[in-house]
Amino acid sequence: MKRFTNILVGVDLSKGGALVSKKLAKPSREAVERALWLAKLNSARLLFMYSLDVSAKTQHLIQENQGSEPTVVDHAEVVMRRLVERANQEGIEADFRVEFGRSWVNIIRQVLRNAHDLVLVGTRHVSAVKSFLVGSTGIKLLRKCPCPVWLAQPQPDRQMASILVAHDLGPVGDLAMQLGCSMAQLHDAQLHVLHAAEYSEYNTILPQRILAEKADEYRQQAEEHIAAQLDNFDLSLPAQVHFVTKPPDVAILHHIECQRVELLVMGTVARVGISGMFTGNTAERLLPQIPCSVLAVKPTGFKSPVTLK
């Protein structure tokens, strides 16, 4: 299924104290490689984008010197052109942009201008623990970008064996399910679908017997909801559906570890009409600990607080 056709790749060319390095850092290399792989499978076009986040004074000095001697902008464009040339050699239509400003703001504005259907960026790692640290750019994109965002963790193979959809049974969960099924088809991967049910609203008002009946009824409805979605996809392996009563963040992390999940697909906003808001405590607690790549989706009608003005 050709899910993504217009992909924006956020590239970070900075390394150490240098604004531009000829060699991409590992997270950016992963983002580029993943984007090239997806573009070939989906006949998609790519835009590589790098933002120079410098002070207004530094920006003015750089712009003053352009044309007289090579600047960091010129060096950045050399690196970006190489990425475009590599994409072209693989039969992929590609272009690049180098801009001044905050990366997440420029990326979102580019999404709004050109209707990109996926933003793909690399992540920063914390090797002492089995997790990665979602940097400020990743967090801002997850909160405010109107299209799906893929935070890519470096891995040895483009193919994925295990994909997990965190399904809340709401509209944004349905969108995450569609993306997860599409990704499982694309990778011939094992799809896991997780719903973490919480019955706290019943605990103080219903007797135990009625609570158990309500829980059974809820579980049946949840399983029927998920099964109806799965019927729309021809997966190479039967999906495994997991219904638990643990807190969602605990359940997701547990299943990522037990099922060796390489990609988590989830919604990041619960309702339409709340610009740039997270799902709440679950996502805030969960994201800094996730040890795999993340593909996050917003609900239909989501409005980013970032504008083109």
C-alpha atoms as a PDB file:
ATOM      1  CA  MET A   1       0.000   0.000   0.000  1.00  0.00           C
ATOM      2  CA  LYS A   2       1.376   3.408  -0.995  1.00  0.00           C
ATOM      3  CA  ARG A   3       0.746   5.224   2.262  1.00  0.00           C
ATOM      4  CA  PHE A   4       3.380   7.983   2.006  1.00  0.00           C
ATOM      5  CA  THR A   5       4.180   9.844  -1.231  1.00  0.00           C
ATOM      6  CA  ASN A   6       5.586  13.212  -0.106  1.00  0.00           C
ATOM      7  CA  ILE A   7       8.150  12.704   2.659  1.00  0.00           C
ATOM      8  CA  LEU A   8      10.074  15.436   4.495  1.00  0.00           C
ATOM      9  CA  VAL A   9      13.362  14.291   6.054  1.00  0.00           C
ATOM     10  CA  GLY A  10      14.728  16.432   8.875  1.00  0.00           C
ATOM     11  CA  VAL A  11      18.535  16.251   8.714  1.00  0.00           C
ATOM     12  CA  ASP A  12      20.869  17.538  11.426  1.00  0.00           C
ATOM     13  CA  LEU A  13      24.259  18.426   9.933  1.00  0.00           C
ATOM     14  CA  SER A  14      25.700  19.803  13.173  1.00  0.00           C
ATOM     15  CA  LYS A  15      28.274  17.775  15.074  1.00  0.00           C
ATOM     16  CA  GLY A  16      30.086  18.840  18.212  1.00  0.00           C
ATOM     17  CA  GLY A  17      30.795  22.542  17.912  1.00  0.00           C
ATOM     18  CA  ALA A  18      30.513  22.591  14.113  1.00  0.00           C
ATOM     19  CA  LEU A  19      27.334  23.837  12.471  1.00  0.00           C
ATOM     20  CA  VAL A  20      27.991  21.662   9.421  1.00  0.00           C
ATOM     21  CA  SER A  21      29.747  18.304   9.286  1.00  0.00           C
ATOM     22  CA  LYS A  22      30.399  16.358   6.103  1.00  0.00           C
ATOM     23  CA  LYS A  23      29.586  13.124   7.903  1.00  0.00           C
ATOM     24  CA  LEU A  24      26.036  12.658   9.165  1.00  0.00           C
ATOM     25  CA  ALA A  25      25.512  11.641  12.775  1.00  0.00           C
ATOM     26  CA  LYS A  26      24.013   8.194  13.312  1.00  0.00           C
ATOM     27  CA  PRO A  27      20.403   9.363  13.966  1.00  0.00           C
ATOM     28  CA  SER A  28      20.370  11.481  10.791  1.00  0.00           C
ATOM     29  CA  ARG A  29      21.877   8.611   8.784  1.00  0.00           C
ATOM     30  CA  GLU A  30      19.061   6.386   9.994  1.00  0.00           C
ATOM     31  CA  ALA A  31      16.451   8.984   8.995  1.00  0.00           C
ATOM     32  CA  VAL A  32      17.971   9.321   5.522  1.00  0.00           C
ATOM     33  CA  GLU A  33      18.286   5.555   4.974  1.00  0.00           C
ATOM     34  CA  ARG A  34      14.731   4.923   6.196  1.00  0.00           C
ATOM     35  CA  ALA A  35      13.396   7.696   3.972  1.00  0.00           C
ATOM     36  CA  LEU A  36      15.199   6.361   0.890  1.00  0.00           C
ATOM     37  CA  TRP A  37      13.866   2.865   1.596  1.00  0.00           C
ATOM     38  CA  LEU A  38      10.285   4.087   2.071  1.00  0.00           C
ATOM     39  CA  ALA A  39      10.465   6.352  -0.979  1.00  0.00           C
ATOM     40  CA  LYS A  40      11.520   3.482  -3.251  1.00  0.00           C
ATOM     41  CA  LEU A  41       8.715   1.241  -1.982  1.00  0.00           C
ATOM     42  CA  ASN A  42       6.075   3.979  -2.228  1.00  0.00           C
ATOM     43  CA  SER A  43       7.326   5.832  -5.342  1.00  0.00           C
ATOM     44  CA  ALA A  44       7.503   8.861  -3.075  1.00  0.00           C
ATOM     45  CA  ARG A  45       9.387  12.127  -3.456  1.00  0.00           C
ATOM     46  CA  LEU A  46      11.743  13.378  -0.750  1.00  0.00           C
ATOM     47  CA  LEU A  47      12.696  16.754   0.621  1.00  0.00           C
ATOM     48  CA  PHE A  48      15.834  16.879   2.794  1.00  0.00           C
ATOM     49  CA  MET A  49      15.778  19.824   5.187  1.00  0.00           C
ATOM     50  CA  TYR A  50      18.386  21.334   7.503  1.00  0.00           C
ATOM     51  CA  SER A  51      17.893  24.350   9.751  1.00  0.00           C
ATOM     52  CA  LEU A  52      20.727  26.542  11.010  1.00  0.00           C
ATOM     53  CA  ASP A  53      19.548  27.563  14.480  1.00  0.00           C
ATOM     54  CA  VAL A  54      21.833  30.547  15.119  1.00  0.00           C
ATOM     55  CA  SER A  55      21.412  34.008  16.595  1.00  0.00           C
ATOM     56  CA  ALA A  56      20.168  36.875  14.455  1.00  0.00           C
ATOM     57  CA  LYS A  57      23.632  38.450  14.610  1.00  0.00           C
ATOM     58  CA  THR A  58      25.338  35.273  13.395  1.00  0.00           C
ATOM     59  CA  GLN A  59      22.756  34.878  10.637  1.00  0.00           C
ATOM     60  CA  HIS A  60      23.414  38.449   9.502  1.00  0.00           C
ATOM     61  CA  LEU A  61      27.183  37.864   9.414  1.00  0.00           C
ATOM     62  CA  ILE A  62      26.758  34.665   7.389  1.00  0.00           C
ATOM     63  CA  GLN A  63      24.469  36.363   4.889  1.00  0.00           C
ATOM     64  CA  GLU A  64      26.835  39.329   4.565  1.00  0.00           C
ATOM     65  CA  ASN A  65      29.719  37.010   3.605  1.00  0.00           C
ATOM     66  CA  GLN A  66      27.765  34.922   1.091  1.00  0.00           C
ATOM     67  CA  GLY A  67      29.284  35.261  -2.362  1.00  0.00           C
ATOM     68  CA  SER A  68      32.654  36.488  -1.141  1.00  0.00           C
ATOM     69  CA  GLU A  69      33.801  33.235   0.470  1.00  0.00           C
ATOM     70  CA  PRO A  70      32.199  29.851   1.297  1.00  0.00           C
ATOM     71  CA  THR A  71      29.926  30.033   4.334  1.00  0.00           C
ATOM     72  CA  VAL A  72      28.291  27.360   6.486  1.00  0.00           C
ATOM     73  CA  VAL A  73      25.266  27.666   4.215  1.00  0.00           C
ATOM     74  CA  ASP A  74      27.416  26.768   1.203  1.00  0.00           C
ATOM     75  CA  HIS A  75      28.946  23.835   3.081  1.00  0.00           C
ATOM     76  CA  ALA A  76      25.486  22.641   4.132  1.00  0.00           C
ATOM     77  CA  GLU A  77      24.219  22.833   0.569  1.00  0.00           C
ATOM     78  CA  VAL A  78      27.129  20.684  -0.630  1.00  0.00           C
ATOM     79  CA  VAL A  79      26.180  17.938   1.839  1.00  0.00           C
ATOM     80  CA  MET A  80      22.477  18.221   1.020  1.00  0.00           C
ATOM     81  CA  ARG A  81      23.126  18.052  -2.730  1.00  0.00           C
ATOM     82  CA  ARG A  82      24.949  14.770  -2.173  1.00  0.00           C
ATOM     83  CA  LEU A  83      21.845  13.378  -0.473  1.00  0.00           C
ATOM     84  CA  VAL A  84      19.718  14.503  -3.424  1.00  0.00           C
ATOM     85  CA  GLU A  85      22.169  12.976  -5.903  1.00  0.00           C
ATOM     86  CA  ARG A  86      22.103   9.680  -4.049  1.00  0.00           C
ATOM     87  CA  ALA A  87      18.303   9.656  -4.083  1.00  0.00           C
ATOM     88  CA  ASN A  88      18.269  10.456  -7.808  1.00  0.00           C
ATOM     89  CA  GLN A  89      20.678   7.591  -8.475  1.00  0.00           C
ATOM     90  CA  GLU A  90      18.163   5.258  -6.845  1.00  0.00           C
ATOM     91  CA  GLY A  91      15.364   6.602  -9.045  1.00  0.00           C
ATOM     92  CA  ILE A  92      13.848   8.841  -6.353  1.00  0.00           C
ATOM     93  CA  GLU A  93      12.708  12.403  -7.000  1.00  0.00           C
ATOM     94  CA  ALA A  94      14.327  14.605  -4.334  1.00  0.00           C
ATOM     95  CA  ASP A  95      15.180  18.189  -3.400  1.00  0.00           C
ATOM     96  CA  PHE A  96      16.633  20.022  -0.397  1.00  0.00           C
ATOM     97  CA  ARG A  97      16.236  23.180   1.661  1.00  0.00           C
ATOM     98  CA  VAL A  98      18.684  24.911   4.004  1.00  0.00           C
ATOM     99  CA  GLU A  99      17.070  27.557   6.199  1.00  0.00           C
ATOM    100  CA  PHE A 100      17.750  29.665   9.253  1.00  0.00           C
ATOM    101  CA  GLY A 101      15.633  29.166  12.359  1.00  0.00           C
ATOM    102  CA  ARG A 102      14.369  26.481  14.686  1.00  0.00           C
ATOM    103  CA  SER A 103      14.242  23.097  13.037  1.00  0.00           C
ATOM    104  CA  TRP A 104      10.791  22.065  14.292  1.00  0.00           C
ATOM    105  CA  VAL A 105       9.202  25.381  13.275  1.00  0.00           C
ATOM    106  CA  ASN A 106      10.722  25.264   9.777  1.00  0.00           C
ATOM    107  CA  ILE A 107       9.700  21.627   9.338  1.00  0.00           C
ATOM    108  CA  ILE A 108       6.075  22.288  10.321  1.00  0.00           C
ATOM    109  CA  ARG A 109       5.861  25.355   8.071  1.00  0.00           C
ATOM    110  CA  GLN A 110       7.240  23.289   5.196  1.00  0.00           C
ATOM    111  CA  VAL A 111       4.579  20.637   5.905  1.00  0.00           C
ATOM    112  CA  LEU A 112       1.907  23.343   5.756  1.00  0.00           C
ATOM    113  CA  ARG A 113       3.313  24.794   2.513  1.00  0.00           C
ATOM    114  CA  ASN A 114       3.757  21.554   0.583  1.00  0.00           C
ATOM    115  CA  ALA A 115       1.294  19.145   2.236  1.00  0.00           C
ATOM    116  CA  HIS A 116       3.900  16.548   3.228  1.00  0.00           C
ATOM    117  CA  ASP A 117       2.294  13.334   4.444  1.00  0.00           C
ATOM    118  CA  LEU A 118       5.206  12.173   6.627  1.00  0.00           C
ATOM    119  CA  VAL A 119       8.029  13.815   8.577  1.00  0.00           C
ATOM    120  CA  LEU A 120      10.979  11.543   9.308  1.00  0.00           C
ATOM    121  CA  VAL A 121      13.739  12.521  11.744  1.00  0.00           C
ATOM    122  CA  GLY A 122      16.403  10.677  13.723  1.00  0.00           C
ATOM    123  CA  THR A 123      16.567  10.387  17.497  1.00  0.00           C
ATOM    124  CA  ARG A 124      19.236  10.952  20.102  1.00  0.00           C
ATOM    125  CA  HIS A 125      20.314   7.967  22.203  1.00  0.00           C
ATOM    126  CA  VAL A 126      21.022   7.304  25.834  1.00  0.00           C
ATOM    127  CA  SER A 127      23.181   4.209  25.622  1.00  0.00           C
ATOM    128  CA  ALA A 128      23.505   3.686  29.387  1.00  0.00           C
ATOM    129  CA  VAL A 129      19.858   2.671  29.498  1.00  0.00           C
ATOM    130  CA  LYS A 130      17.965   0.782  26.817  1.00  0.00           C
ATOM    131  CA  SER A 131      16.119   3.804  25.512  1.00  0.00           C
ATOM    132  CA  PHE A 132      16.508   6.889  23.402  1.00  0.00           C
ATOM    133  CA  LEU A 133      16.012  10.478  24.400  1.00  0.00           C
ATOM    134  CA  VAL A 134      13.483  12.348  22.316  1.00  0.00           C
ATOM    135  CA  GLY A 135      15.123  15.735  21.817  1.00  0.00           C
ATOM    136  CA  SER A 136      13.326  19.064  21.761  1.00  0.00           C
ATOM    137  CA  THR A 137      12.790  18.880  17.998  1.00  0.00           C
ATOM    138  CA  GLY A 138      11.175  15.441  18.258  1.00  0.00           C
ATOM    139  CA  ILE A 139       8.934  16.468  21.162  1.00  0.00           C
ATOM    140  CA  LYS A 140       7.780  19.638  19.380  1.00  0.00           C
ATOM    141  CA  LEU A 141       7.025  17.725  16.188  1.00  0.00           C
ATOM    142  CA  LEU A 142       5.043  15.098  18.086  1.00  0.00           C
ATOM    143  CA  ARG A 143       2.999  17.817  19.750  1.00  0.00           C
ATOM    144  CA  LYS A 144       2.512  20.269  16.913  1.00  0.00           C
ATOM    145  CA  CYS A 145       3.158  18.742  13.469  1.00  0.00           C
ATOM    146  CA  PRO A 146      -0.129  18.125  11.610  1.00  0.00           C
ATOM    147  CA  CYS A 147       1.074  15.070   9.642  1.00  0.00           C
ATOM    148  CA  PRO A 148       2.432  11.733  10.932  1.00  0.00           C
ATOM    149  CA  VAL A 149       5.919  11.919  12.477  1.00  0.00           C
ATOM    150  CA  TRP A 150       8.418   9.038  12.387  1.00  0.00           C
ATOM    151  CA  LEU A 151      11.189   9.235  15.001  1.00  0.00           C
ATOM    152  CA  ALA A 152      13.710   6.743  13.651  1.00  0.00           C
ATOM    153  CA  GLN A 153      16.085   4.801  15.855  1.00  0.00           C
ATOM    154  CA  PRO A 154      19.196   3.396  14.144  1.00  0.00           C
ATOM    155  CA  GLN A 155      18.906  -0.315  13.399  1.00  0.00           C
ATOM    156  CA  PRO A 156      20.909  -2.774  11.265  1.00  0.00           C
ATOM    157  CA  ASP A 157      18.149  -3.692   8.810  1.00  0.00           C
ATOM    158  CA  ARG A 158      15.459  -1.708   6.979  1.00  0.00           C
ATOM    159  CA  GLN A 159      13.061  -4.636   7.328  1.00  0.00           C
ATOM    160  CA  MET A 160      11.176  -4.802  10.616  1.00  0.00           C
ATOM    161  CA  ALA A 161      10.028  -8.042  12.220  1.00  0.00           C
ATOM    162  CA  SER A 162       7.724  -6.719  14.946  1.00  0.00           C
ATOM    163  CA  ILE A 163       5.371  -3.707  14.980  1.00  0.00           C
ATOM    164  CA  LEU A 164       3.135  -2.616  17.863  1.00  0.00           C
ATOM    165  CA  VAL A 165       0.003  -0.465  17.577  1.00  0.00           C
ATOM    166  CA  ALA A 166      -1.131   1.182  20.815  1.00  0.00           C
ATOM    167  CA  HIS A 167      -4.891   1.421  20.215  1.00  0.00           C
ATOM    168  CA  ASP A 168      -7.144   3.578  22.400  1.00  0.00           C
ATOM    169  CA  LEU A 169     -10.259   2.563  20.389  1.00  0.00           C
ATOM    170  CA  GLY A 170     -10.913   6.203  19.533  1.00  0.00           C
ATOM    171  CA  PRO A 171     -10.631   7.940  16.147  1.00  0.00           C
ATOM    172  CA  VAL A 172      -6.901   8.641  16.521  1.00  0.00           C
ATOM    173  CA  GLY A 173      -6.380   5.015  17.552  1.00  0.00           C
ATOM    174  CA  ASP A 174      -8.170   3.927  14.388  1.00  0.00           C
ATOM    175  CA  LEU A 175      -5.760   6.056  12.325  1.00  0.00           C
ATOM    176  CA  ALA A 176      -2.787   4.554  14.167  1.00  0.00           C
ATOM    177  CA  MET A 177      -4.210   1.099  13.441  1.00  0.00           C
ATOM    178  CA  GLN A 178      -4.450   1.836   9.716  1.00  0.00           C
ATOM    179  CA  LEU A 179      -0.836   3.025   9.646  1.00  0.00           C
ATOM    180  CA  GLY A 180       0.342   0.068  11.706  1.00  0.00           C
ATOM    181  CA  CYS A 181      -1.376  -2.413   9.393  1.00  0.00           C
ATOM    182  CA  SER A 182       0.104  -0.672   6.353  1.00  0.00           C
ATOM    183  CA  MET A 183       3.587  -0.816   7.874  1.00  0.00           C
ATOM    184  CA  ALA A 184       3.147  -4.506   8.758  1.00  0.00           C
ATOM    185  CA  GLN A 185       2.173  -5.200   5.131  1.00  0.00           C
ATOM    186  CA  LEU A 186       5.149  -3.220   3.856  1.00  0.00           C
ATOM    187  CA  HIS A 187       7.623  -5.086   6.073  1.00  0.00           C
ATOM    188  CA  ASP A 188       5.911  -8.517   6.174  1.00  0.00           C
ATOM    189  CA  ALA A 189       6.134  -7.988   9.922  1.00  0.00           C
ATOM    190  CA  GLN A 190       4.337  -9.471  12.897  1.00  0.00           C
ATOM    191  CA  LEU A 191       1.686  -6.968  13.985  1.00  0.00           C
ATOM    192  CA  HIS A 192       0.817  -6.642  17.668  1.00  0.00           C
ATOM    193  CA  VAL A 193      -2.236  -4.604  18.710  1.00  0.00           C
ATOM    194  CA  LEU A 194      -2.395  -3.486  22.332  1.00  0.00           C
ATOM    195  CA  HIS A 195      -5.332  -1.987  24.195  1.00  0.00           C
ATOM    196  CA  ALA A 196      -4.859  -1.098  27.851  1.00  0.00           C
ATOM    197  CA  ALA A 197      -8.249  -0.851  29.559  1.00  0.00           C
ATOM    198  CA  GLU A 198      -8.734   1.048  32.786  1.00  0.00           C
ATOM    199  CA  TYR A 199     -11.906   0.657  34.847  1.00  0.00           C
ATOM    200  CA  SER A 200     -11.221   3.238  37.520  1.00  0.00           C
ATOM    201  CA  GLU A 201     -14.474   5.079  36.733  1.00  0.00           C
ATOM    202  CA  TYR A 202     -16.456   1.998  37.786  1.00  0.00           C
ATOM    203  CA  ASN A 203     -14.522   0.972  40.886  1.00  0.00           C
ATOM    204  CA  THR A 204     -16.167   3.274  43.393  1.00  0.00           C
ATOM    205  CA  ILE A 205     -19.761   3.050  42.180  1.00  0.00           C
ATOM    206  CA  LEU A 206     -20.363  -0.565  41.097  1.00  0.00           C
ATOM    207  CA  PRO A 207     -20.383  -3.847  43.034  1.00  0.00           C
ATOM    208  CA  GLN A 208     -17.676  -6.364  42.094  1.00  0.00           C
ATOM    209  CA  ARG A 209     -20.066  -8.660  40.210  1.00  0.00           C
ATOM    210  CA  ILE A 210     -21.424  -5.855  38.025  1.00  0.00           C
ATOM    211  CA  LEU A 211     -17.888  -4.528  37.538  1.00  0.00           C
ATOM    212  CA  ALA A 212     -16.783  -7.916  36.192  1.00  0.00           C
ATOM    213  CA  GLU A 213     -19.763  -7.997  33.806  1.00  0.00           C
ATOM    214  CA  LYS A 214     -18.976  -4.483  32.579  1.00  0.00           C
ATOM    215  CA  ALA A 215     -15.338  -5.444  32.080  1.00  0.00           C
ATOM    216  CA  ASP A 216     -16.274  -8.535  30.033  1.00  0.00           C
ATOM    217  CA  GLU A 217     -18.679  -6.491  27.915  1.00  0.00           C
ATOM    218  CA  TYR A 218     -16.044  -3.810  27.334  1.00  0.00           C
ATOM    219  CA  ARG A 219     -13.437  -6.385  26.348  1.00  0.00           C
ATOM    220  CA  GLN A 220     -15.781  -8.029  23.846  1.00  0.00           C
ATOM    221  CA  GLN A 221     -16.574  -4.660  22.246  1.00  0.00           C
ATOM    222  CA  ALA A 222     -12.868  -3.790  22.075  1.00  0.00           C
ATOM    223  CA  GLU A 223     -11.945  -7.084  20.429  1.00  0.00           C
ATOM    224  CA  GLU A 224     -14.766  -6.745  17.894  1.00  0.00           C
ATOM    225  CA  HIS A 225     -13.638  -3.179  17.089  1.00  0.00           C
ATOM    226  CA  ILE A 226     -10.059  -4.286  16.460  1.00  0.00           C
ATOM    227  CA  ALA A 227     -11.094  -7.406  14.513  1.00  0.00           C
ATOM    228  CA  ALA A 228     -13.266  -5.303  12.177  1.00  0.00           C
ATOM    229  CA  GLN A 229     -10.252  -3.145  11.316  1.00  0.00           C
ATOM    230  CA  LEU A 230      -7.966  -6.125  10.806  1.00  0.00           C
ATOM    231  CA  ASP A 231     -10.440  -7.583   8.297  1.00  0.00           C
ATOM    232  CA  ASN A 232      -9.555  -4.711   5.942  1.00  0.00           C
ATOM    233  CA  PHE A 233      -5.896  -5.769   5.672  1.00  0.00           C
ATOM    234  CA  ASP A 234      -4.271  -8.858   4.217  1.00  0.00           C
ATOM    235  CA  LEU A 235      -1.363  -9.447   6.579  1.00  0.00           C
ATOM    236  CA  SER A 236       1.275 -12.094   5.920  1.00  0.00           C
ATOM    237  CA  LEU A 237       1.116 -13.115   9.628  1.00  0.00           C
ATOM    238  CA  PRO A 238      -2.039 -13.154  11.784  1.00  0.00           C
ATOM    239  CA  ALA A 239      -2.097 -10.136  14.078  1.00  0.00           C
ATOM    240  CA  GLN A 240      -1.710 -10.740  17.800  1.00  0.00           C
ATOM    241  CA  VAL A 241      -4.184  -8.738  19.894  1.00  0.00           C
ATOM    242  CA  HIS A 242      -3.308  -7.993  23.508  1.00  0.00           C
ATOM    243  CA  PHE A 243      -5.950  -6.768  25.971  1.00  0.00           C
ATOM    244  CA  VAL A 244      -4.578  -5.741  29.373  1.00  0.00           C
ATOM    245  CA  THR A 245      -5.696  -3.776  32.420  1.00  0.00           C
ATOM    246  CA  LYS A 246      -2.322  -2.246  33.261  1.00  0.00           C
ATOM    247  CA  PRO A 247      -1.650   1.506  32.933  1.00  0.00           C
ATOM    248  CA  PRO A 248      -1.058   2.230  29.201  1.00  0.00           C
ATOM    249  CA  ASP A 249       2.551   3.411  29.539  1.00  0.00           C
ATOM    250  CA  VAL A 250       3.539   0.369  31.625  1.00  0.00           C
ATOM    251  CA  ALA A 251       1.754  -1.991  29.218  1.00  0.00           C
ATOM    252  CA  ILE A 252       3.343  -0.460  26.114  1.00  0.00           C
ATOM    253  CA  LEU A 253       6.879  -0.626  27.495  1.00  0.00           C
ATOM    254  CA  HIS A 254       6.308  -4.208  28.669  1.00  0.00           C
ATOM    255  CA  HIS A 255       5.105  -5.349  25.242  1.00  0.00           C
ATOM    256  CA  ILE A 256       7.899  -3.517  23.413  1.00  0.00           C
ATOM    257  CA  GLU A 257      10.414  -5.492  25.462  1.00  0.00           C
ATOM    258  CA  CYS A 258       8.612  -8.865  25.393  1.00  0.00           C
ATOM    259  CA  GLN A 259       7.771  -8.780  21.669  1.00  0.00           C
ATOM    260  CA  ARG A 260      11.053  -7.131  20.618  1.00  0.00           C
ATOM    261  CA  VAL A 261       9.108  -4.361  18.927  1.00  0.00           C
ATOM    262  CA  GLU A 262      11.041  -2.248  16.426  1.00  0.00           C
ATOM    263  CA  LEU A 263       8.285   0.272  15.615  1.00  0.00           C
ATOM    264  CA  LEU A 264       5.573   1.653  17.904  1.00  0.00           C
ATOM    265  CA  VAL A 265       2.599   3.258  16.148  1.00  0.00           C
ATOM    266  CA  MET A 266       0.433   5.469  18.331  1.00  0.00           C
ATOM    267  CA  GLY A 267      -1.739   8.572  18.440  1.00  0.00           C
ATOM    268  CA  THR A 268      -0.391  11.646  20.187  1.00  0.00           C
ATOM    269  CA  VAL A 269      -3.532  13.777  20.505  1.00  0.00           C
ATOM    270  CA  ALA A 270      -6.768  12.539  21.988  1.00  0.00           C
ATOM    271  CA  ARG A 271      -9.245  15.070  20.574  1.00  0.00           C
ATOM    272  CA  VAL A 272      -9.657  17.462  17.672  1.00  0.00           C
ATOM    273  CA  GLY A 273      -9.639  21.165  18.493  1.00  0.00           C
ATOM    274  CA  ILE A 274      -6.774  21.191  20.988  1.00  0.00           C
ATOM    275  CA  SER A 275      -3.902  22.673  19.034  1.00  0.00           C
ATOM    276  CA  GLY A 276      -0.522  21.204  19.822  1.00  0.00           C
ATOM    277  CA  MET A 277      -1.508  19.242  22.920  1.00  0.00           C
ATOM    278  CA  PHE A 278      -0.251  15.810  23.964  1.00  0.00           C
ATOM    279  CA  THR A 279      -2.407  12.875  24.969  1.00  0.00           C
ATOM    280  CA  GLY A 280      -1.486  13.758  28.523  1.00  0.00           C
ATOM    281  CA  ASN A 281       0.493  12.036  31.235  1.00  0.00           C
ATOM    282  CA  THR A 282       0.746   8.693  29.435  1.00  0.00           C
ATOM    283  CA  ALA A 283       2.648  10.109  26.466  1.00  0.00           C
ATOM    284  CA  GLU A 284       4.753  12.464  28.583  1.00  0.00           C
ATOM    285  CA  ARG A 285       5.898   9.577  30.805  1.00  0.00           C
ATOM    286  CA  LEU A 286       6.256   7.106  27.974  1.00  0.00           C
ATOM    287  CA  LEU A 287       8.177   8.803  25.167  1.00  0.00           C
ATOM    288  CA  PRO A 288      11.546   9.393  26.874  1.00  0.00           C
ATOM    289  CA  GLN A 289      11.707   5.674  27.718  1.00  0.00           C
ATOM    290  CA  ILE A 290      10.721   4.055  24.416  1.00  0.00           C
ATOM    291  CA  PRO A 291      13.564   1.819  23.130  1.00  0.00           C
ATOM    292  CA  CYS A 292      12.351   1.647  19.514  1.00  0.00           C
ATOM    293  CA  SER A 293      11.296   3.864  16.620  1.00  0.00           C
ATOM    294  CA  VAL A 294       7.977   5.711  16.912  1.00  0.00           C
ATOM    295  CA  LEU A 295       5.402   6.551  14.245  1.00  0.00           C
ATOM    296  CA  ALA A 296       2.918   9.029  15.698  1.00  0.00           C
ATOM    297  CA  VAL A 297      -0.316  10.243  14.134  1.00  0.00           C
ATOM    298  CA  LYS A 298      -2.718  13.101  14.846  1.00  0.00           C
ATOM    299  CA  PRO A 299      -6.523  12.950  14.564  1.00  0.00           C
ATOM    300  CA  THR A 300      -8.267  14.140  11.419  1.00  0.00           C
ATOM    301  CA  GLY A 301      -8.844  17.873  11.646  1.00  0.00           C
ATOM    302  CA  PHE A 302      -5.889  18.575  13.941  1.00  0.00           C
ATOM    303  CA  LYS A 303      -4.756  22.217  13.658  1.00  0.00           C
ATOM    304  CA  SER A 304      -1.115  23.021  14.315  1.00  0.00           C
ATOM    305  CA  PRO A 305      -0.463  26.150  16.388  1.00  0.00           C
ATOM    306  CA  VAL A 306       2.384  26.927  13.959  1.00  0.00           C
ATOM    307  CA  THR A 307       1.285  29.070  11.023  1.00  0.00           C
ATOM    308  CA  LEU A 308       2.871  30.337   7.822  1.00  0.00           C
ATOM    309  CA  LYS A 309       2.561  33.968   8.906  1.00  0.00           C
END
